[in-house]
Amino acid sequence: MSVHASHLTFLDCAHDPNKVTHTWRVESNGSLLGTVTWYSPWRRYVYYPQVEMVTLYDASCMIELAEFCQRQTDLRKLERKSA
């Protein structure tokens, strides 16, 4: 499944059935910018930029990233409550 924001595309990577969390590729115009994945110490989804390339983000891109991470974190916490 993919989610398209105005600047970014979030592509759900193949889910490992042994993991309870997901990982998404973050792309813009077909170029990989980084990934969103679960960070256990903070108990939330976070964005990891690609270290091999320099990426620039304006305020609207950062808002999209933050909103996506927050939305996925909220969904994960709801899933845990209902389990």
Protein backbone atom coordinates (compact mmCIF):
# COMPACT_ATOMS: atom_id res chain seq x y z
CA MET A 1 0.00 0.00 0.00
CA SER A 2 1.20 3.52 -0.69
CA VAL A 3 0.13 6.87 0.67
CA HIS A 4 0.60 9.94 -1.51
CA ALA A 5 1.01 13.31 0.13
CA SER A 6 1.45 16.48 -1.89
CA HIS A 7 5.25 16.15 -2.08
CA LEU A 8 5.99 12.70 -0.72
CA THR A 9 4.98 9.09 -1.33
CA PHE A 10 5.01 6.59 1.53
CA LEU A 11 5.36 2.99 0.31
CA ASP A 12 4.71 0.19 2.80
CA CYS A 13 7.63 -2.25 2.54
CA ALA A 14 7.02 -6.00 2.58
CA HIS A 15 5.86 -6.72 6.11
CA ASP A 16 7.83 -9.33 8.03
CA PRO A 17 5.25 -11.56 9.78
CA ASN A 18 7.66 -11.90 12.72
CA LYS A 19 7.54 -8.14 13.35
CA VAL A 20 4.62 -6.22 14.78
CA THR A 21 5.64 -2.89 13.25
CA HIS A 22 5.93 -1.66 9.66
CA THR A 23 8.50 0.17 7.57
CA TRP A 24 7.70 2.65 4.79
CA ARG A 25 9.94 3.96 2.02
CA VAL A 26 9.64 7.73 1.63
CA GLU A 27 10.02 8.88 -1.96
CA SER A 28 9.70 12.05 -3.97
CA ASN A 29 9.47 11.90 -7.76
CA GLY A 30 10.64 8.27 -7.61
CA SER A 31 13.78 9.04 -5.58
CA LEU A 32 14.26 7.38 -2.20
CA LEU A 33 14.62 10.01 0.52
CA GLY A 34 14.56 7.74 3.57
CA THR A 35 12.40 5.38 5.62
CA VAL A 36 9.86 5.57 8.40
CA THR A 37 10.21 2.78 10.94
CA TRP A 38 9.50 2.03 14.59
CA TYR A 39 12.06 3.32 17.14
CA SER A 40 11.56 1.29 20.31
CA PRO A 41 13.34 3.60 22.80
CA TRP A 42 10.88 6.39 21.92
CA ARG A 43 7.96 4.00 21.31
CA ARG A 44 7.01 5.75 18.07
CA TYR A 45 7.60 5.81 14.34
CA VAL A 46 10.49 8.03 13.23
CA TYR A 47 12.00 9.14 9.94
CA TYR A 48 15.49 7.99 8.95
CA PRO A 49 16.90 10.03 6.03
CA GLN A 50 19.14 8.38 3.43
CA VAL A 51 22.71 8.95 4.56
CA GLU A 52 24.16 8.51 1.06
CA MET A 53 22.57 11.68 -0.26
CA VAL A 54 21.88 15.22 0.83
CA THR A 55 18.16 15.95 1.07
CA LEU A 56 16.44 19.27 1.58
CA TYR A 57 13.01 19.70 3.13
CA ASP A 58 10.80 22.73 3.25
CA ALA A 59 8.25 23.29 6.02
CA SER A 60 5.42 21.53 4.16
CA CYS A 61 7.53 18.38 3.62
CA MET A 62 8.53 18.30 7.28
CA ILE A 63 4.88 18.69 8.30
CA GLU A 64 3.91 15.79 6.00
CA LEU A 65 6.63 13.61 7.51
CA ALA A 66 5.67 14.53 11.07
CA GLU A 67 1.96 13.96 10.44
CA PHE A 68 2.60 10.57 8.81
CA CYS A 69 4.82 9.43 11.69
CA GLN A 70 2.27 10.62 14.27
CA ARG A 71 -0.65 8.97 12.44
CA GLN A 72 1.18 5.63 12.22
CA THR A 73 2.23 5.86 15.88
CA ASP A 74 -1.36 6.53 16.92
CA LEU A 75 -2.58 3.55 14.85
CA ARG A 76 0.07 1.29 16.39
CA LYS A 77 -0.95 2.33 19.91
CA LEU A 78 -4.63 1.71 19.11
CA GLU A 79 -3.78 -1.76 17.79
CA ARG A 80 -1.95 -2.59 21.02
CA LYS A 81 -4.89 -1.44 23.14
CA SER A 82 -7.33 -3.60 21.20
CA ALA A 83 -5.08 -6.69 21.27
